[in-house]
N, C-alpha and C. Protein backbone atom coordinates (compact mmCIF):
# COMPACT_ATOMS: atom_id res chain seq x y z
N MET A 1 92.59 130.94 131.11
CA MET A 1 92.34 131.23 132.51
C MET A 1 92.92 130.15 133.42
N GLY A 2 93.59 129.21 132.80
CA GLY A 2 94.25 128.17 133.57
C GLY A 2 95.33 128.70 134.50
N TRP A 3 95.74 129.94 134.31
CA TRP A 3 96.74 130.53 135.19
C TRP A 3 96.15 130.90 136.54
N VAL A 4 94.85 131.16 136.59
CA VAL A 4 94.25 131.65 137.83
C VAL A 4 93.08 130.81 138.34
N LEU A 5 92.55 129.94 137.51
CA LEU A 5 91.46 129.06 137.95
C LEU A 5 92.02 127.64 138.03
N GLU A 6 92.15 127.15 139.24
CA GLU A 6 92.79 125.85 139.48
C GLU A 6 92.24 124.73 138.62
N ASP A 7 90.92 124.68 138.47
CA ASP A 7 90.32 123.57 137.73
C ASP A 7 90.49 123.69 136.22
N GLU A 8 91.11 124.77 135.75
CA GLU A 8 91.36 124.93 134.32
C GLU A 8 92.85 124.85 133.97
N LYS A 9 93.68 124.60 134.97
CA LYS A 9 95.12 124.47 134.73
C LYS A 9 95.41 123.20 133.95
N THR A 10 96.32 123.32 133.00
CA THR A 10 96.80 122.15 132.26
C THR A 10 98.32 122.28 132.13
N ASP A 11 98.95 121.24 131.67
CA ASP A 11 100.39 121.32 131.42
C ASP A 11 100.68 122.43 130.41
N TYR A 12 99.80 122.57 129.42
CA TYR A 12 99.99 123.59 128.39
C TYR A 12 99.89 124.99 128.98
N THR A 13 98.85 125.26 129.78
CA THR A 13 98.70 126.61 130.34
C THR A 13 99.87 126.94 131.27
N GLU A 14 100.36 125.95 132.00
CA GLU A 14 101.50 126.18 132.88
C GLU A 14 102.77 126.45 132.06
N ALA A 15 102.94 125.76 130.94
CA ALA A 15 104.10 125.99 130.08
C ALA A 15 104.07 127.40 129.49
N VAL A 16 102.88 127.85 129.08
CA VAL A 16 102.76 129.21 128.55
C VAL A 16 103.11 130.22 129.64
N LEU A 17 102.59 130.02 130.84
CA LEU A 17 102.91 130.92 131.96
C LEU A 17 104.41 130.91 132.25
N ASP A 18 105.00 129.73 132.30
CA ASP A 18 106.44 129.62 132.56
C ASP A 18 107.25 130.33 131.49
N SER A 19 106.77 130.31 130.26
CA SER A 19 107.51 130.94 129.16
C SER A 19 107.61 132.46 129.34
N LEU A 20 106.70 133.02 130.13
CA LEU A 20 106.72 134.46 130.35
C LEU A 20 107.86 134.91 131.26
N ALA A 21 108.59 133.95 131.82
CA ALA A 21 109.77 134.31 132.60
C ALA A 21 110.86 134.83 131.67
N GLU A 22 110.83 134.38 130.41
CA GLU A 22 111.85 134.79 129.44
C GLU A 22 111.27 135.51 128.23
N ASN A 23 109.97 135.48 128.06
CA ASN A 23 109.33 136.06 126.89
C ASN A 23 108.25 137.03 127.31
N ARG A 24 107.76 137.75 126.34
CA ARG A 24 106.66 138.68 126.56
C ARG A 24 105.52 138.24 125.66
N ALA A 25 104.32 138.48 126.08
CA ALA A 25 103.14 138.17 125.27
C ALA A 25 102.50 139.47 124.80
N ILE A 26 101.78 139.38 123.70
CA ILE A 26 101.00 140.53 123.23
C ILE A 26 99.58 140.03 123.01
N VAL A 27 98.62 140.82 123.45
CA VAL A 27 97.22 140.44 123.37
C VAL A 27 96.40 141.60 122.81
N PRO A 28 95.27 141.30 122.17
CA PRO A 28 94.39 142.39 121.74
C PRO A 28 93.76 143.06 122.96
N SER A 29 93.33 144.29 122.78
CA SER A 29 92.78 145.05 123.90
C SER A 29 91.55 144.40 124.53
N LEU A 30 90.86 143.56 123.80
CA LEU A 30 89.68 142.90 124.36
C LEU A 30 90.06 141.88 125.44
N TRP A 31 91.32 141.51 125.52
CA TRP A 31 91.78 140.52 126.49
C TRP A 31 91.44 140.93 127.92
N GLU A 32 91.64 142.21 128.23
CA GLU A 32 91.35 142.68 129.59
C GLU A 32 89.87 142.51 129.95
N LEU A 33 88.99 142.77 128.99
CA LEU A 33 87.56 142.56 129.23
C LEU A 33 87.23 141.08 129.35
N GLU A 34 87.84 140.27 128.50
CA GLU A 34 87.60 138.83 128.57
C GLU A 34 88.02 138.26 129.93
N VAL A 35 89.20 138.65 130.38
CA VAL A 35 89.71 138.18 131.67
C VAL A 35 88.79 138.64 132.80
N SER A 36 88.45 139.90 132.79
CA SER A 36 87.56 140.43 133.84
C SER A 36 86.23 139.68 133.85
N ASN A 37 85.67 139.44 132.69
CA ASN A 37 84.40 138.75 132.61
C ASN A 37 84.49 137.32 133.13
N VAL A 38 85.52 136.60 132.73
CA VAL A 38 85.69 135.22 133.21
C VAL A 38 85.80 135.18 134.73
N LEU A 39 86.56 136.10 135.29
CA LEU A 39 86.73 136.12 136.74
C LEU A 39 85.44 136.50 137.47
N ILE A 40 84.72 137.48 136.96
CA ILE A 40 83.46 137.88 137.59
C ILE A 40 82.43 136.75 137.52
N VAL A 41 82.35 136.09 136.38
CA VAL A 41 81.42 134.96 136.24
C VAL A 41 81.83 133.83 137.19
N ALA A 42 83.12 133.55 137.30
CA ALA A 42 83.60 132.52 138.22
C ALA A 42 83.24 132.88 139.67
N GLU A 43 83.35 134.17 139.98
CA GLU A 43 82.97 134.65 141.31
C GLU A 43 81.48 134.42 141.56
N ARG A 44 80.66 134.82 140.60
CA ARG A 44 79.20 134.68 140.74
C ARG A 44 78.78 133.22 140.90
N ARG A 45 79.52 132.33 140.26
CA ARG A 45 79.19 130.91 140.33
C ARG A 45 79.80 130.22 141.55
N GLY A 46 80.48 130.99 142.37
CA GLY A 46 81.06 130.44 143.59
C GLY A 46 82.34 129.65 143.37
N ARG A 47 82.95 129.79 142.21
CA ARG A 47 84.19 129.06 141.93
C ARG A 47 85.38 129.72 142.60
N ILE A 48 85.32 131.05 142.73
CA ILE A 48 86.38 131.81 143.39
C ILE A 48 85.74 132.92 144.21
N THR A 49 86.54 133.50 145.09
CA THR A 49 86.07 134.61 145.93
C THR A 49 86.51 135.94 145.33
N GLN A 50 85.96 137.01 145.86
CA GLN A 50 86.37 138.35 145.42
C GLN A 50 87.87 138.54 145.68
N ALA A 51 88.35 138.05 146.81
CA ALA A 51 89.78 138.16 147.13
C ALA A 51 90.62 137.42 146.09
N GLN A 52 90.15 136.26 145.64
CA GLN A 52 90.89 135.51 144.62
C GLN A 52 90.88 136.25 143.28
N THR A 53 89.77 136.92 142.96
CA THR A 53 89.72 137.73 141.74
C THR A 53 90.74 138.85 141.82
N THR A 54 90.77 139.54 142.95
CA THR A 54 91.72 140.63 143.15
C THR A 54 93.15 140.11 143.02
N HIS A 55 93.43 138.96 143.61
CA HIS A 55 94.77 138.37 143.53
C HIS A 55 95.11 137.99 142.09
N ALA A 56 94.15 137.40 141.38
CA ALA A 56 94.36 136.99 139.99
C ALA A 56 94.66 138.20 139.11
N LEU A 57 93.92 139.28 139.29
CA LEU A 57 94.16 140.49 138.50
C LEU A 57 95.52 141.09 138.81
N SER A 58 95.92 141.01 140.06
CA SER A 58 97.24 141.51 140.43
C SER A 58 98.33 140.65 139.78
N LEU A 59 98.17 139.35 139.80
CA LEU A 59 99.12 138.44 139.16
C LEU A 59 99.22 138.73 137.67
N LEU A 60 98.07 138.80 137.02
CA LEU A 60 98.05 139.03 135.58
C LEU A 60 98.66 140.39 135.21
N SER A 61 98.42 141.39 136.05
CA SER A 61 98.98 142.72 135.80
C SER A 61 100.49 142.74 135.92
N SER A 62 101.04 141.81 136.68
CA SER A 62 102.49 141.78 136.89
C SER A 62 103.24 141.04 135.78
N LEU A 63 102.52 140.36 134.92
CA LEU A 63 103.15 139.58 133.86
C LEU A 63 103.55 140.47 132.68
N PRO A 64 104.57 140.04 131.95
CA PRO A 64 105.00 140.84 130.78
C PRO A 64 104.06 140.63 129.59
N ILE A 65 102.87 141.19 129.73
CA ILE A 65 101.84 141.08 128.69
C ILE A 65 101.54 142.48 128.19
N LEU A 66 101.83 142.69 126.91
CA LEU A 66 101.56 143.97 126.27
C LEU A 66 100.17 143.95 125.65
N VAL A 67 99.37 144.93 125.98
CA VAL A 67 98.05 145.05 125.37
C VAL A 67 98.20 145.90 124.12
N ASP A 68 97.87 145.32 122.97
CA ASP A 68 98.05 145.97 121.68
C ASP A 68 97.13 147.18 121.54
N PRO A 69 97.70 148.36 121.33
CA PRO A 69 96.87 149.56 121.20
C PRO A 69 96.23 149.71 119.82
N LEU A 70 96.64 148.91 118.84
CA LEU A 70 96.14 149.09 117.48
C LEU A 70 94.86 148.32 117.18
N VAL A 71 94.55 147.31 117.95
CA VAL A 71 93.41 146.47 117.62
C VAL A 71 92.09 147.25 117.51
N PRO A 72 91.77 148.18 118.42
CA PRO A 72 90.50 148.89 118.25
C PRO A 72 90.36 149.55 116.88
N LYS A 73 91.45 150.05 116.34
CA LYS A 73 91.40 150.69 115.04
C LYS A 73 91.17 149.68 113.93
N ARG A 74 91.48 148.42 114.18
CA ARG A 74 91.34 147.38 113.17
C ARG A 74 90.03 146.60 113.31
N MET A 75 89.31 146.85 114.39
CA MET A 75 88.07 146.10 114.64
C MET A 75 87.08 146.22 113.49
N PHE A 76 87.03 147.37 112.86
CA PHE A 76 86.07 147.56 111.78
C PHE A 76 86.66 147.30 110.41
N ALA A 77 87.93 146.93 110.36
CA ALA A 77 88.58 146.70 109.06
C ALA A 77 88.92 145.22 108.89
N THR A 78 90.09 144.83 109.32
CA THR A 78 90.57 143.47 109.06
C THR A 78 89.89 142.40 109.90
N VAL A 79 89.52 142.70 111.11
CA VAL A 79 88.95 141.67 111.99
C VAL A 79 87.65 141.09 111.43
N PRO A 80 86.68 141.90 110.99
CA PRO A 80 85.47 141.30 110.40
C PRO A 80 85.76 140.45 109.16
N ALA A 81 86.71 140.90 108.35
CA ALA A 81 87.05 140.13 107.14
C ALA A 81 87.62 138.77 107.52
N LEU A 82 88.52 138.73 108.50
CA LEU A 82 89.07 137.45 108.95
C LEU A 82 87.99 136.57 109.57
N ALA A 83 87.11 137.18 110.35
CA ALA A 83 86.03 136.43 110.98
C ALA A 83 85.13 135.79 109.92
N ARG A 84 84.78 136.57 108.91
CA ARG A 84 83.94 136.04 107.83
C ARG A 84 84.64 134.93 107.07
N GLU A 85 85.86 135.21 106.65
CA GLU A 85 86.59 134.27 105.81
C GLU A 85 86.80 132.92 106.48
N HIS A 86 87.04 132.94 107.80
CA HIS A 86 87.39 131.70 108.50
C HIS A 86 86.30 131.21 109.46
N GLN A 87 85.13 131.85 109.42
CA GLN A 87 84.04 131.45 110.31
C GLN A 87 84.47 131.49 111.78
N LEU A 88 85.14 132.58 112.17
CA LEU A 88 85.58 132.77 113.54
C LEU A 88 84.72 133.81 114.23
N SER A 89 84.74 133.80 115.55
CA SER A 89 84.13 134.92 116.28
C SER A 89 85.03 136.14 116.06
N ALA A 90 84.49 137.30 116.27
CA ALA A 90 85.31 138.51 116.16
C ALA A 90 86.44 138.48 117.19
N TYR A 91 86.18 137.87 118.34
CA TYR A 91 87.20 137.77 119.38
C TYR A 91 88.39 136.95 118.90
N ASP A 92 88.11 135.76 118.37
CA ASP A 92 89.20 134.91 117.86
C ASP A 92 89.89 135.55 116.66
N ALA A 93 89.12 136.22 115.82
CA ALA A 93 89.70 136.90 114.66
C ALA A 93 90.65 138.02 115.11
N ALA A 94 90.36 138.66 116.23
CA ALA A 94 91.25 139.71 116.75
C ALA A 94 92.60 139.12 117.15
N TYR A 95 92.58 137.94 117.77
CA TYR A 95 93.84 137.27 118.13
C TYR A 95 94.60 136.85 116.87
N LEU A 96 93.88 136.34 115.88
CA LEU A 96 94.51 135.92 114.63
C LEU A 96 95.10 137.13 113.91
N GLU A 97 94.37 138.23 113.83
CA GLU A 97 94.86 139.44 113.16
C GLU A 97 96.14 139.93 113.82
N LEU A 98 96.16 139.93 115.14
CA LEU A 98 97.34 140.39 115.87
C LEU A 98 98.54 139.48 115.59
N ALA A 99 98.33 138.17 115.61
CA ALA A 99 99.43 137.24 115.34
C ALA A 99 99.96 137.40 113.93
N LEU A 100 99.06 137.59 112.98
CA LEU A 100 99.48 137.80 111.59
C LEU A 100 100.28 139.09 111.45
N ARG A 101 99.77 140.16 112.04
CA ARG A 101 100.41 141.48 111.92
C ARG A 101 101.75 141.52 112.62
N GLU A 102 101.84 140.89 113.79
CA GLU A 102 103.07 140.96 114.58
C GLU A 102 104.04 139.82 114.24
N GLY A 103 103.57 138.81 113.51
CA GLY A 103 104.43 137.68 113.18
C GLY A 103 104.80 136.84 114.39
N VAL A 104 103.83 136.68 115.30
CA VAL A 104 104.08 135.92 116.53
C VAL A 104 103.19 134.68 116.57
N ALA A 105 103.59 133.73 117.40
CA ALA A 105 102.81 132.51 117.59
C ALA A 105 101.60 132.80 118.47
N ILE A 106 100.58 131.96 118.32
CA ILE A 106 99.39 132.04 119.17
C ILE A 106 99.47 130.91 120.19
N ALA A 107 99.17 131.23 121.44
CA ALA A 107 99.02 130.21 122.49
C ALA A 107 97.53 130.01 122.66
N THR A 108 97.03 128.84 122.30
CA THR A 108 95.59 128.59 122.38
C THR A 108 95.30 127.13 122.66
N LEU A 109 94.20 126.89 123.32
CA LEU A 109 93.67 125.54 123.49
C LEU A 109 92.50 125.31 122.55
N ASP A 110 92.11 126.33 121.81
CA ASP A 110 90.98 126.26 120.88
C ASP A 110 91.43 125.59 119.59
N GLN A 111 90.92 124.38 119.34
CA GLN A 111 91.36 123.60 118.18
C GLN A 111 91.01 124.26 116.86
N LYS A 112 89.86 124.89 116.78
CA LYS A 112 89.48 125.56 115.54
C LYS A 112 90.41 126.73 115.24
N LEU A 113 90.68 127.55 116.25
CA LEU A 113 91.58 128.68 116.07
C LEU A 113 92.98 128.17 115.71
N GLU A 114 93.42 127.11 116.34
CA GLU A 114 94.73 126.54 116.03
C GLU A 114 94.79 126.10 114.57
N ARG A 115 93.78 125.40 114.11
CA ARG A 115 93.74 124.90 112.73
C ARG A 115 93.77 126.06 111.74
N ILE A 116 92.98 127.07 111.99
CA ILE A 116 92.92 128.22 111.07
C ILE A 116 94.21 129.03 111.12
N ALA A 117 94.76 129.20 112.31
CA ALA A 117 96.03 129.93 112.43
C ALA A 117 97.12 129.22 111.62
N LEU A 118 97.20 127.92 111.75
CA LEU A 118 98.20 127.16 110.99
C LEU A 118 97.97 127.33 109.49
N LYS A 119 96.71 127.28 109.08
CA LYS A 119 96.37 127.45 107.67
C LYS A 119 96.81 128.83 107.16
N CYS A 120 96.78 129.83 108.04
CA CYS A 120 97.17 131.20 107.67
C CYS A 120 98.68 131.44 107.84
N GLY A 121 99.40 130.40 108.27
CA GLY A 121 100.84 130.54 108.42
C GLY A 121 101.29 131.04 109.78
N VAL A 122 100.39 131.03 110.75
CA VAL A 122 100.74 131.47 112.11
C VAL A 122 101.16 130.25 112.91
N GLU A 123 102.29 130.37 113.58
CA GLU A 123 102.75 129.28 114.43
C GLU A 123 101.89 129.19 115.69
N ILE A 124 101.85 127.99 116.25
CA ILE A 124 101.16 127.76 117.52
C ILE A 124 102.23 127.54 118.57
N TYR A 125 102.10 128.23 119.71
CA TYR A 125 103.06 128.03 120.79
C TYR A 125 102.96 126.60 121.26
N LYS A 126 104.07 125.92 121.27
CA LYS A 126 104.14 124.55 121.79
C LYS A 126 105.08 124.54 122.96
N LYS A 127 104.66 123.86 124.02
CA LYS A 127 105.56 123.80 125.19
C LYS A 127 106.78 122.99 124.81
N SER A 128 107.91 123.41 125.37
CA SER A 128 109.17 122.74 125.02
C SER A 128 109.42 121.52 125.86
């Protein structure tokens, strides 16, 4: 959420955003709910306004981010197995499953997910 919440911006989040000028991202379908929830909670806590939420959603919608249509079908199959095996939340396991299936790197600030992804042979996006 460093792309839309000023106090969460880092050099890493900015590098990932900048990379979307030349690349496309793919996310599990739960990403849209996660983003909406983070923004609504930020609104409720007075961190942002409704107008800023609307602007953030517009910005995010304009980015080359593909929402994976297959993840819901895998939620009851591979995702729980990955979550169990690696002691991940189902949410993090969904990102890991997608990266494994698509053969793409994960962009994350979560150290546990990064460690497990590397262990599973998934690259981590590193800013250049």
